[in-house]
Amino acid sequence: MRTCAIHQPNLLPRLSTLAKLYVADVWVVLDDVQFVRRDYQHRARLAALDDPQQHQWLSSRPTSRTAAQR
């Protein structure tokens, strides 16, 4: 039996995503889906090494495609 893992990319992958990649025989990147503004597709929450309760958000600005690119 083969294992297939499907994942929608985020800004920074979590350790559970990397573990899923490691055990899968087939890896599918689901990159043609609707962008969700409030999801983790373009941002990641980073914890401080000395105090895991303290965190900051790391975000990338999504770009819109022009009519010529669509």
Protein backbone atom coordinates (compact mmCIF):
# COMPACT_ATOMS: atom_id res chain seq x y z
CA MET A 1 0.00 0.00 0.00
CA ARG A 2 1.28 3.48 -0.89
CA THR A 3 0.70 6.59 1.20
CA CYS A 4 -0.27 9.88 -0.44
CA ALA A 5 0.00 13.19 1.43
CA ILE A 6 -1.68 16.35 0.12
CA HIS A 7 -0.77 19.73 1.56
CA GLN A 8 -1.71 23.32 0.82
CA PRO A 9 1.47 25.39 1.25
CA ASN A 10 1.88 27.85 4.11
CA LEU A 11 4.48 30.56 4.60
CA LEU A 12 6.53 28.32 6.92
CA PRO A 13 5.76 24.59 7.24
CA ARG A 14 5.06 23.16 10.69
CA LEU A 15 6.95 20.16 12.02
CA SER A 16 3.83 18.03 11.54
CA THR A 17 3.90 18.91 7.83
CA LEU A 18 7.52 17.82 7.56
CA ALA A 19 6.67 14.57 9.38
CA LYS A 20 3.82 13.98 6.91
CA LEU A 21 6.26 14.51 4.04
CA TYR A 22 8.72 12.04 5.53
CA VAL A 23 6.24 9.14 5.82
CA ALA A 24 4.48 9.68 2.47
CA ASP A 25 5.30 7.77 -0.69
CA VAL A 26 3.63 10.41 -2.86
CA TRP A 27 3.58 14.14 -2.01
CA VAL A 28 1.04 16.45 -3.68
CA VAL A 29 1.28 20.23 -3.29
CA LEU A 30 -2.22 21.69 -3.52
CA ASP A 31 -1.37 25.15 -4.81
CA ASP A 32 -4.34 25.96 -7.04
CA VAL A 33 -6.93 26.81 -4.38
CA GLN A 34 -8.74 29.91 -3.15
CA PHE A 35 -6.59 32.24 -1.04
CA VAL A 36 -7.99 32.61 2.48
CA ARG A 37 -7.01 35.93 4.06
CA ARG A 38 -7.29 34.88 7.70
CA ASP A 39 -5.51 31.55 7.28
CA TYR A 40 -1.82 30.70 7.60
CA GLN A 41 -1.06 30.73 3.86
CA HIS A 42 0.85 34.01 4.08
CA ARG A 43 1.72 34.31 7.77
CA ALA A 44 3.31 32.35 10.59
CA ARG A 45 3.30 32.79 14.35
CA LEU A 46 6.79 32.55 15.81
CA ALA A 47 7.48 31.92 19.49
CA ALA A 48 10.43 33.40 21.36
CA LEU A 49 13.09 30.83 22.28
CA ASP A 50 13.40 32.01 25.88
CA ASP A 51 9.63 32.47 26.46
CA PRO A 52 7.33 30.27 24.30
CA GLN A 53 4.26 32.16 25.58
CA GLN A 54 5.52 35.32 23.85
CA HIS A 55 5.06 35.32 20.08
CA GLN A 56 5.17 37.53 17.00
CA TRP A 57 3.57 37.26 13.57
CA LEU A 58 5.70 36.97 10.44
CA SER A 59 3.71 37.88 7.31
CA SER A 60 4.31 38.21 3.61
CA ARG A 61 2.17 40.55 1.57
CA PRO A 62 0.07 38.71 -1.01
CA THR A 63 0.31 40.15 -4.50
CA SER A 64 -2.62 40.39 -6.85
CA ARG A 65 -2.33 39.17 -10.39
CA THR A 66 -2.90 41.54 -13.26
CA ALA A 67 -5.40 40.76 -16.01
CA ALA A 68 -2.53 39.73 -18.32
CA GLN A 69 -1.33 37.10 -15.81
CA ARG A 70 -4.77 35.50 -15.38
